[in-house]
């Protein structure tokens, strides 16, 4: 028997979408915010020689490494060295640190668990402060690296470093504010949508580059067909795994209410295979980008003898290298388990079930239920971590065989598919809410009509 929500979802059509004026405003606001973001990716920082930097960035003999991934996440802002070149990477890194500290630092852990809405706002404020600090550190490293490169800067010096730090930090803070506005007044998670927009913006260029290589004979038609089939299969696999879940049966006991028996219903507790969603690869990519961005920019500069190891380490952190893949896989697995432990607490879930009289058949309420939920969730997380790691490392293995020119990361595909599914779900939920409101209004009008209008008073 379909639920009321499922019946409403089945009956949704363009007519119901046309009547949802509030949803129209949210969609327009989201599109406008993403348009502002895309414009900002074409505004270069002051003092940079854009043509020389683009030639330097696209040099086939250069060792860009993770800057390719950074450029994809920022929608091409890195290769243009725009004011949004840092994108929201410092904010994501700050979120990682605050969430980690919220699990190990007692005052912050108390804020997260007992502070309620005020505690959440205070932790968000700490995240903003840390974002400013990380943005300043990263932008200073990039500015110093650019300043050391001959021919990229019109007038190298302290003034260029200062203006670059201000421009890149200001761009990151503006994107953080814009993402919060999209979350509050638009549809979906604003930060994820900004990353999504950046990836989608460079997708046509990636496809055109692949077709150009095929026309030049650098890759065969069979290899190109194989890449297309692999991309489609990966998307289908991601959709299947993102919708996969383990449904645990919840039983509610019967109880006496007057002269009749009530209760005895059954429901299901859905546990997703990938509870952490797209957060682990984003966090893993951010942590890899954080220390290596500055290293990539300074690897070709005049280094002292005691830093002669830096170019070697930088080369090992390039796509397809064993060190990069090992660190990437390890960070993804770690954040899968870490973020799952934050978003789902078996003890709280077991306590809520016990409070409302629900139980898992064959398992005692309370501690035994929490242990069983933790047992099931751990095994689901193992499957989810293996799935995300496989999707993200498959393109890295292809890069090792075919080169960086064909790179379009599994992380990018995972983000695009997951954010698309989440955004569609947000739109559907708002349409459902609009339909519920319409049904309630109709029921009220029918109730008033059934009672009849009051008769006019005759004098």
Protein backbone atom coordinates (compact mmCIF):
# COMPACT_ATOMS: atom_id res chain seq x y z
CA UNK A 1 0.00 0.00 0.00
CA UNK A 2 1.55 3.27 -1.08
CA UNK A 3 1.87 6.03 1.49
CA UNK A 4 0.27 9.43 1.07
CA UNK A 5 3.63 10.95 0.17
CA UNK A 6 4.24 8.29 -2.48
CA UNK A 7 0.77 8.84 -3.96
CA UNK A 8 1.37 12.59 -4.12
CA UNK A 9 4.78 12.06 -5.73
CA UNK A 10 3.18 9.82 -8.36
CA UNK A 11 0.58 12.49 -9.14
CA UNK A 12 3.06 15.37 -9.50
CA UNK A 13 3.04 16.99 -12.93
CA UNK A 14 3.92 20.24 -14.63
CA UNK A 15 0.66 21.74 -13.42
CA UNK A 16 1.62 21.34 -9.78
CA UNK A 17 5.08 22.73 -10.56
CA UNK A 18 3.54 25.78 -12.29
CA UNK A 19 1.49 26.57 -9.19
CA UNK A 20 4.44 26.36 -6.77
CA UNK A 21 5.40 30.06 -6.85
CA UNK A 22 7.65 29.78 -3.78
CA UNK A 23 9.66 27.07 -5.52
CA UNK A 24 10.02 29.30 -8.59
CA UNK A 25 11.55 32.04 -6.44
CA UNK A 26 13.99 29.59 -4.86
CA UNK A 27 15.06 28.22 -8.24
CA UNK A 28 15.55 31.70 -9.70
CA UNK A 29 17.59 32.76 -6.67
CA UNK A 30 19.77 29.65 -6.98
CA UNK A 31 20.35 30.21 -10.70
CA UNK A 32 21.19 33.87 -10.09
CA UNK A 33 23.69 32.98 -7.37
CA UNK A 34 25.39 30.39 -9.59
CA UNK A 35 25.54 32.96 -12.42
CA UNK A 36 27.33 35.40 -10.09
CA UNK A 37 29.76 32.62 -9.17
CA UNK A 38 30.52 31.83 -12.82
CA UNK A 39 31.14 35.52 -13.60
CA UNK A 40 33.61 35.69 -10.71
CA UNK A 41 35.66 32.82 -12.15
CA UNK A 42 36.56 35.08 -15.11
CA UNK A 43 37.76 38.07 -13.05
CA UNK A 44 41.59 37.79 -12.72
CA UNK A 45 43.46 38.92 -9.63
CA UNK A 46 45.20 42.32 -9.97
CA UNK A 47 48.69 42.29 -11.45
CA UNK A 48 48.62 38.82 -13.02
CA UNK A 49 49.57 38.33 -16.64
CA UNK A 50 46.61 36.14 -17.59
CA UNK A 51 47.95 35.04 -20.98
CA UNK A 52 51.37 34.09 -19.57
CA UNK A 53 49.82 32.24 -16.63
CA UNK A 54 47.45 30.31 -18.88
CA UNK A 55 50.38 29.26 -21.08
CA UNK A 56 52.31 28.25 -17.96
CA UNK A 57 49.36 26.28 -16.60
CA UNK A 58 48.70 24.44 -19.86
CA UNK A 59 52.35 23.62 -20.52
CA UNK A 60 52.34 19.88 -21.33
CA UNK A 61 55.81 19.52 -19.81
CA UNK A 62 54.71 21.10 -16.52
CA UNK A 63 53.99 19.11 -13.37
CA UNK A 64 50.64 20.44 -12.25
CA UNK A 65 49.47 17.39 -10.31
CA UNK A 66 46.56 18.10 -8.03
CA UNK A 67 46.14 21.57 -9.53
CA UNK A 68 44.17 19.85 -12.31
CA UNK A 69 41.65 18.68 -9.73
CA UNK A 70 41.71 22.09 -8.04
CA UNK A 71 41.02 23.74 -11.39
CA UNK A 72 38.08 21.40 -12.05
CA UNK A 73 36.49 22.07 -8.64
CA UNK A 74 36.85 25.83 -9.17
CA UNK A 75 35.27 25.81 -12.62
CA UNK A 76 38.46 26.78 -14.43
CA UNK A 77 39.22 29.70 -12.08
CA UNK A 78 42.72 28.37 -11.33
CA UNK A 79 43.92 28.39 -14.93
CA UNK A 80 42.67 31.99 -15.18
CA UNK A 81 43.92 32.78 -11.64
CA UNK A 82 40.62 34.49 -10.89
CA UNK A 83 39.47 35.93 -7.58
CA UNK A 84 37.54 32.69 -6.96
CA UNK A 85 40.61 30.49 -7.55
CA UNK A 86 40.54 29.16 -3.97
CA UNK A 87 36.84 28.38 -4.36
CA UNK A 88 35.32 26.97 -1.12
CA UNK A 89 38.29 24.70 -0.34
CA UNK A 90 39.31 26.65 2.83
CA UNK A 91 35.72 26.46 4.10
CA UNK A 92 35.59 22.70 3.55
CA UNK A 93 38.94 22.26 5.29
CA UNK A 94 37.73 24.39 8.20
CA UNK A 95 34.55 22.30 8.44
CA UNK A 96 36.66 19.14 8.64
CA UNK A 97 38.77 20.55 11.47
CA UNK A 98 35.76 21.84 13.44
CA UNK A 99 33.92 18.53 13.11
CA UNK A 100 37.02 16.61 14.20
CA UNK A 101 37.49 18.93 17.17
CA UNK A 102 33.79 18.56 17.98
CA UNK A 103 34.41 14.86 18.55
CA UNK A 104 37.63 15.06 20.58
CA UNK A 105 37.60 18.51 22.26
CA UNK A 106 35.21 18.41 25.27
CA UNK A 107 33.97 22.06 25.20
CA UNK A 108 33.12 21.84 21.50
CA UNK A 109 31.66 18.36 21.94
CA UNK A 110 29.37 19.78 24.63
CA UNK A 111 28.36 22.60 22.31
CA UNK A 112 27.48 20.14 19.56
CA UNK A 113 25.49 17.75 21.76
CA UNK A 114 23.88 20.05 24.34
CA UNK A 115 24.11 23.53 22.89
CA UNK A 116 21.11 23.18 20.58
CA UNK A 117 20.62 25.89 17.97
CA UNK A 118 22.87 28.40 19.77
CA UNK A 119 25.66 25.83 20.01
CA UNK A 120 25.37 25.05 16.32
CA UNK A 121 25.57 28.75 15.46
CA UNK A 122 28.66 29.17 17.63
CA UNK A 123 30.41 26.23 15.93
CA UNK A 124 29.49 27.73 12.56
CA UNK A 125 31.10 30.97 13.68
CA UNK A 126 34.28 29.10 14.63
CA UNK A 127 34.21 27.53 11.16
CA UNK A 128 34.06 30.99 9.56
CA UNK A 129 36.99 32.26 11.62
CA UNK A 130 39.05 29.22 10.72
CA UNK A 131 38.07 29.65 7.05
CA UNK A 132 39.54 33.16 7.09
CA UNK A 133 42.79 31.87 8.62
CA UNK A 134 43.16 29.02 6.12
CA UNK A 135 42.27 31.28 3.18
CA UNK A 136 44.92 33.78 4.28
CA UNK A 137 47.53 31.01 4.58
CA UNK A 138 46.72 29.44 1.20
CA UNK A 139 46.45 32.75 -0.64
CA UNK A 140 49.79 33.90 0.80
CA UNK A 141 51.44 30.67 -0.38
CA UNK A 142 49.97 31.09 -3.86
CA UNK A 143 50.95 34.78 -3.98
CA UNK A 144 54.53 34.01 -2.92
CA UNK A 145 54.76 31.22 -5.48
CA UNK A 146 53.46 33.44 -8.29
CA UNK A 147 55.75 36.25 -7.24
CA UNK A 148 58.76 33.93 -7.59
CA UNK A 149 57.85 32.91 -11.15
CA UNK A 150 59.44 35.15 -13.81
CA UNK A 151 57.12 36.58 -16.45
CA UNK A 152 53.81 35.82 -14.71
CA UNK A 153 53.53 39.08 -12.77
CA UNK A 154 53.53 42.56 -14.26
CA UNK A 155 55.12 44.17 -11.19
CA UNK A 156 56.36 41.62 -8.63
CA UNK A 157 56.73 42.72 -5.04
CA UNK A 158 55.04 43.16 -1.69
CA UNK A 159 52.13 45.10 -3.17
CA UNK A 160 51.26 42.21 -5.51
CA UNK A 161 51.41 39.71 -2.65
CA UNK A 162 49.14 41.88 -0.48
CA UNK A 163 46.54 42.46 -3.20
CA UNK A 164 46.54 38.76 -4.13
CA UNK A 165 46.00 37.70 -0.52
CA UNK A 166 43.13 40.16 -0.14
CA UNK A 167 41.54 39.19 -3.48
CA UNK A 168 41.69 35.41 -2.98
CA UNK A 169 40.60 35.55 0.66
CA UNK A 170 37.76 37.92 -0.17
CA UNK A 171 36.65 35.65 -3.01
CA UNK A 172 36.52 32.64 -0.69
CA UNK A 173 34.55 34.51 1.98
CA UNK A 174 32.11 35.79 -0.64
CA UNK A 175 31.54 32.24 -1.94
CA UNK A 176 31.02 31.00 1.62
CA UNK A 177 28.37 33.69 2.16
CA UNK A 178 26.82 32.95 -1.23
CA UNK A 179 26.59 29.24 -0.39
CA UNK A 180 24.85 30.02 2.90
CA UNK A 181 22.36 32.24 1.08
CA UNK A 182 21.61 29.48 -1.45
CA UNK A 183 21.06 27.04 1.44
CA UNK A 184 18.66 29.42 3.20
CA UNK A 185 16.86 30.98 0.23
CA UNK A 186 17.49 28.56 -2.64
CA UNK A 187 17.33 24.80 -3.10
CA UNK A 188 19.72 22.29 -1.64
CA UNK A 189 23.15 22.66 -0.07
CA UNK A 190 24.69 25.86 -1.37
CA UNK A 191 28.32 24.79 -0.96
CA UNK A 192 27.70 21.53 -2.84
CA UNK A 193 25.90 23.40 -5.62
CA UNK A 194 28.84 25.78 -6.03
CA UNK A 195 31.23 22.83 -6.41
CA UNK A 196 28.71 21.19 -8.75
CA UNK A 197 28.52 24.30 -10.93
CA UNK A 198 32.30 24.48 -11.20
CA UNK A 199 32.60 20.84 -12.28
CA UNK A 200 29.77 21.07 -14.84
CA UNK A 201 31.29 24.26 -16.29
CA UNK A 202 34.53 22.51 -17.29
CA UNK A 203 32.81 19.33 -18.50
CA UNK A 204 32.22 20.58 -22.09
CA UNK A 205 35.88 21.54 -22.40
CA UNK A 206 36.93 18.08 -21.20
CA UNK A 207 34.67 16.40 -23.76
CA UNK A 208 35.94 18.70 -26.54
CA UNK A 209 39.54 17.92 -25.61
CA UNK A 210 38.84 14.19 -25.78
CA UNK A 211 37.22 14.54 -29.21
CA UNK A 212 40.17 16.63 -30.38
CA UNK A 213 42.62 13.95 -29.27
CA UNK A 214 40.56 11.35 -31.13
CA UNK A 215 40.62 13.45 -34.31
CA UNK A 216 44.38 13.88 -34.03
CA UNK A 217 44.82 10.14 -33.65
CA UNK A 218 46.34 10.34 -30.17
CA UNK A 219 43.62 8.02 -28.88
CA UNK A 220 41.77 5.43 -30.91
CA UNK A 221 38.04 5.38 -31.59
CA UNK A 222 37.78 2.18 -29.57
CA UNK A 223 39.41 3.86 -26.56
CA UNK A 224 37.04 6.82 -26.87
CA UNK A 225 34.02 4.49 -27.04
CA UNK A 226 35.34 2.59 -24.04
CA UNK A 227 35.60 5.84 -22.05
CA UNK A 228 32.01 6.79 -22.92
CA UNK A 229 30.67 3.36 -21.95
CA UNK A 230 32.70 3.44 -18.74
CA UNK A 231 31.35 6.89 -17.83
CA UNK A 232 27.74 5.81 -18.40
CA UNK A 233 28.27 2.59 -16.43
CA UNK A 234 29.84 4.57 -13.59
CA UNK A 235 26.87 6.95 -13.46
CA UNK A 236 24.39 4.04 -13.38
CA UNK A 237 26.44 2.35 -10.65
CA UNK A 238 26.53 5.55 -8.57
CA UNK A 239 22.76 6.03 -8.84
CA UNK A 240 22.17 2.41 -7.83
CA UNK A 241 24.48 2.61 -4.81
CA UNK A 242 23.19 6.01 -3.68
CA UNK A 243 19.64 4.66 -3.60
CA UNK A 244 20.59 1.34 -1.98
CA UNK A 245 19.58 0.91 1.65
CA UNK A 246 19.09 -1.69 4.34
CA UNK A 247 15.56 -1.54 5.78
CA UNK A 248 15.28 -2.76 9.37
CA UNK A 249 11.80 -3.85 10.50
CA UNK A 250 10.42 -1.87 13.45
CA UNK A 251 7.51 -3.36 15.40
CA UNK A 252 5.23 -1.38 17.71
CA UNK A 253 3.29 -3.35 20.39
CA UNK A 254 -0.49 -3.39 20.65
CA UNK A 255 -2.09 -1.44 23.47
CA UNK A 256 -5.57 -1.12 24.93
CA UNK A 257 -7.39 2.16 24.24
CA UNK A 258 -10.86 2.01 25.76
CA UNK A 259 -12.77 -0.88 24.26
CA UNK A 260 -10.46 -1.43 21.31
CA UNK A 261 -6.90 -2.47 20.60
CA UNK A 262 -4.58 0.06 18.99
CA UNK A 263 -1.03 -0.08 17.78
CA UNK A 264 0.70 -3.13 16.41
CA UNK A 265 1.92 -1.23 13.35
CA UNK A 266 5.07 -2.05 11.47
CA UNK A 267 7.51 0.38 9.90
CA UNK A 268 11.03 0.35 8.57
CA UNK A 269 14.23 2.09 9.60
CA UNK A 270 16.16 2.78 6.34
CA UNK A 271 19.95 2.72 6.59
CA UNK A 272 21.71 3.91 3.44
CA UNK A 273 24.68 1.98 2.16
CA UNK A 274 26.48 5.29 1.66
CA UNK A 275 25.40 7.21 4.74
CA UNK A 276 28.21 9.77 4.40
CA UNK A 277 27.16 10.76 0.87
CA UNK A 278 29.59 12.80 -1.18
CA UNK A 279 31.34 14.32 1.85
CA UNK A 280 34.29 11.83 2.11
CA UNK A 281 35.76 12.44 -1.39
CA UNK A 282 35.27 16.21 -1.03
CA UNK A 283 37.02 16.21 2.34
CA UNK A 284 39.79 13.92 1.06
CA UNK A 285 40.37 16.11 -2.01
CA UNK A 286 40.45 19.23 0.15
CA UNK A 287 43.02 17.82 2.53
CA UNK A 288 45.20 16.75 -0.41
CA UNK A 289 44.86 20.18 -2.01
CA UNK A 290 45.62 22.08 1.19
CA UNK A 291 49.31 21.13 1.64
CA UNK A 292 50.18 20.47 -2.00
CA UNK A 293 48.90 23.63 -3.66
CA UNK A 294 51.72 25.74 -2.26
CA UNK A 295 54.22 22.95 -2.97
CA UNK A 296 53.12 22.83 -6.61
CA UNK A 297 53.52 26.59 -6.99
CA UNK A 298 56.99 26.69 -5.39
CA UNK A 299 58.42 23.43 -6.78
CA UNK A 300 59.98 25.15 -9.79
CA UNK A 301 61.26 28.17 -7.88
CA UNK A 302 64.82 28.58 -6.61
CA UNK A 303 64.81 26.38 -3.51
CA UNK A 304 67.48 26.11 -0.84
CA UNK A 305 69.41 22.88 -0.59
CA UNK A 306 67.56 21.68 2.50
CA UNK A 307 64.28 21.77 0.49
CA UNK A 308 65.62 19.81 -2.48
CA UNK A 309 63.21 17.00 -1.62
CA UNK A 310 60.14 19.15 -2.41
CA UNK A 311 60.03 18.58 -6.22
CA UNK A 312 60.25 14.81 -5.69
CA UNK A 313 57.35 14.79 -3.22
CA UNK A 314 55.35 17.11 -5.47
CA UNK A 315 55.80 14.75 -8.42
CA UNK A 316 54.58 11.82 -6.31
CA UNK A 317 51.41 13.75 -5.46
CA UNK A 318 50.41 13.93 -9.14
CA UNK A 319 47.45 12.02 -10.58
CA UNK A 320 48.06 8.35 -11.13
CA UNK A 321 51.05 8.19 -8.77
CA UNK A 322 51.00 5.45 -6.07
CA UNK A 323 51.47 7.91 -3.17
CA UNK A 324 48.60 10.09 -4.33
CA UNK A 325 46.24 7.12 -4.75
CA UNK A 326 47.21 5.62 -1.39
CA UNK A 327 46.62 8.89 0.47
CA UNK A 328 43.39 9.52 -1.44
CA UNK A 329 41.99 6.05 -0.68
CA UNK A 330 43.00 6.23 2.98
CA UNK A 331 41.39 9.63 3.51
CA UNK A 332 38.17 8.56 1.75
CA UNK A 333 37.82 5.45 3.94
CA UNK A 334 38.59 7.43 7.09
CA UNK A 335 36.01 10.12 6.35
CA UNK A 336 33.37 7.53 5.40
CA UNK A 337 33.53 6.08 8.91
CA UNK A 338 34.05 9.42 10.62
CA UNK A 339 31.17 11.25 8.95
CA UNK A 340 28.84 8.27 9.39
CA UNK A 341 29.57 8.26 13.13
CA UNK A 342 28.65 11.96 13.25
CA UNK A 343 25.41 11.78 11.25
CA UNK A 344 24.00 8.57 12.78
CA UNK A 345 24.18 7.74 16.50
CA UNK A 346 22.99 4.17 17.24
CA UNK A 347 22.52 4.89 20.95
CA UNK A 348 20.25 7.89 20.33
CA UNK A 349 18.26 5.95 17.71
CA UNK A 350 17.82 2.99 20.08
CA UNK A 351 16.73 5.32 22.89
CA UNK A 352 14.15 7.03 20.64
CA UNK A 353 12.75 3.64 19.59
CA UNK A 354 12.45 2.57 23.22
CA UNK A 355 10.81 5.85 24.18
CA UNK A 356 8.05 5.41 21.56
CA UNK A 357 7.59 1.70 22.22
CA UNK A 358 9.26 0.46 19.01
CA UNK A 359 11.64 -2.49 18.90
CA UNK A 360 13.51 -4.69 16.44
CA UNK A 361 11.97 -8.20 16.41
CA UNK A 362 14.17 -10.63 18.31
CA UNK A 363 16.39 -7.90 19.83
CA UNK A 364 16.00 -6.36 23.27
CA UNK A 365 15.34 -2.61 23.40
CA UNK A 366 18.07 -0.33 24.70
CA UNK A 367 21.71 -1.38 24.69
CA UNK A 368 21.25 -4.54 22.61
CA UNK A 369 19.40 -2.56 19.93
CA UNK A 370 22.18 0.06 19.84
CA UNK A 371 24.80 -2.68 19.46
CA UNK A 372 22.85 -4.30 16.62
CA UNK A 373 22.40 -0.97 14.83
CA UNK A 374 26.13 -0.28 15.17
CA UNK A 375 26.87 -3.80 13.84
CA UNK A 376 24.70 -3.29 10.74
CA UNK A 377 25.89 0.28 10.14
CA UNK A 378 29.56 -0.69 10.34
CA UNK A 379 29.15 -3.34 7.66
CA UNK A 380 27.15 -1.01 5.46
CA UNK A 381 29.85 1.62 5.83
CA UNK A 382 32.50 -0.89 4.73
CA UNK A 383 30.52 -1.48 1.53
CA UNK A 384 29.92 2.24 1.05
CA UNK A 385 33.59 3.12 1.61
CA UNK A 386 34.69 0.44 -0.86
CA UNK A 387 32.20 1.76 -3.43
CA UNK A 388 33.30 5.40 -3.11
CA UNK A 389 36.99 4.46 -3.15
CA UNK A 390 36.53 2.36 -6.29
CA UNK A 391 34.64 5.14 -8.11
CA UNK A 392 37.24 7.76 -7.17
CA UNK A 393 40.34 5.66 -7.91
CA UNK A 394 39.21 4.19 -11.23
CA UNK A 395 39.99 7.44 -13.17
CA UNK A 396 43.32 7.68 -11.33
CA UNK A 397 44.29 4.25 -12.69
CA UNK A 398 43.27 5.40 -16.18
CA UNK A 399 45.40 8.54 -15.78
CA UNK A 400 48.37 6.32 -15.03
CA UNK A 401 47.80 4.58 -18.38
CA UNK A 402 46.56 7.40 -20.64
CA UNK A 403 47.91 10.60 -19.11
CA UNK A 404 46.42 13.73 -17.55
CA UNK A 405 44.85 14.91 -20.81
CA UNK A 406 41.92 12.53 -20.30
CA UNK A 407 41.41 13.32 -16.66
CA UNK A 408 37.91 13.73 -15.31
CA UNK A 409 37.94 12.47 -11.74
CA UNK A 410 35.59 9.93 -10.24
CA UNK A 411 35.15 12.44 -7.42
CA UNK A 412 33.75 14.89 -9.97
CA UNK A 413 31.31 12.33 -11.39
CA UNK A 414 30.24 11.32 -7.88
CA UNK A 415 29.64 14.95 -6.88
CA UNK A 416 27.67 15.76 -10.04
CA UNK A 417 25.39 12.70 -9.75
CA UNK A 418 24.89 12.97 -5.97
CA UNK A 419 24.19 16.72 -5.97
CA UNK A 420 21.78 16.28 -8.88
CA UNK A 421 19.88 13.57 -6.99
CA UNK A 422 19.81 15.66 -3.79
CA UNK A 423 18.60 18.76 -5.65
CA UNK A 424 15.82 16.80 -7.37
CA UNK A 425 14.81 15.39 -3.98
CA UNK A 426 14.71 18.92 -2.53
CA UNK A 427 12.50 20.12 -5.38
CA UNK A 428 10.18 17.13 -4.98
CA UNK A 429 9.88 17.69 -1.23
CA UNK A 430 8.91 21.32 -1.79
CA UNK A 431 6.36 20.27 -4.40
CA UNK A 432 4.95 17.75 -1.94
CA UNK A 433 4.71 20.45 0.72
CA UNK A 434 2.90 22.71 -1.75
CA UNK A 435 0.44 19.93 -2.60
CA UNK A 436 -0.17 19.19 1.07
CA UNK A 437 -0.99 22.86 1.63
CA UNK A 438 -3.39 22.77 -1.30
CA UNK A 439 -5.15 19.69 0.08
CA UNK A 440 -5.48 21.28 3.51
CA UNK A 441 -6.99 24.44 2.01
CA UNK A 442 -9.49 22.39 0.00
CA UNK A 443 -10.46 20.40 3.09
CA UNK A 444 -11.07 23.61 5.04
CA UNK A 445 -13.19 25.07 2.24
CA UNK A 446 -15.25 21.88 2.06
CA UNK A 447 -15.75 21.96 5.80
CA UNK A 448 -17.02 25.50 5.67
CA UNK A 449 -19.28 24.69 2.73
CA UNK A 450 -20.72 21.65 4.53
CA UNK A 451 -21.76 23.69 7.52
CA UNK A 452 -23.41 26.18 5.20
CA UNK A 453 -23.25 29.92 5.23
CA UNK A 454 -25.10 31.72 8.05
CA UNK A 455 -28.57 32.88 7.11
CA UNK A 456 -29.00 36.65 6.70
CA UNK A 457 -30.71 38.41 9.60
CA UNK A 458 -34.04 39.91 8.67
CA UNK A 459 -35.34 42.97 10.44
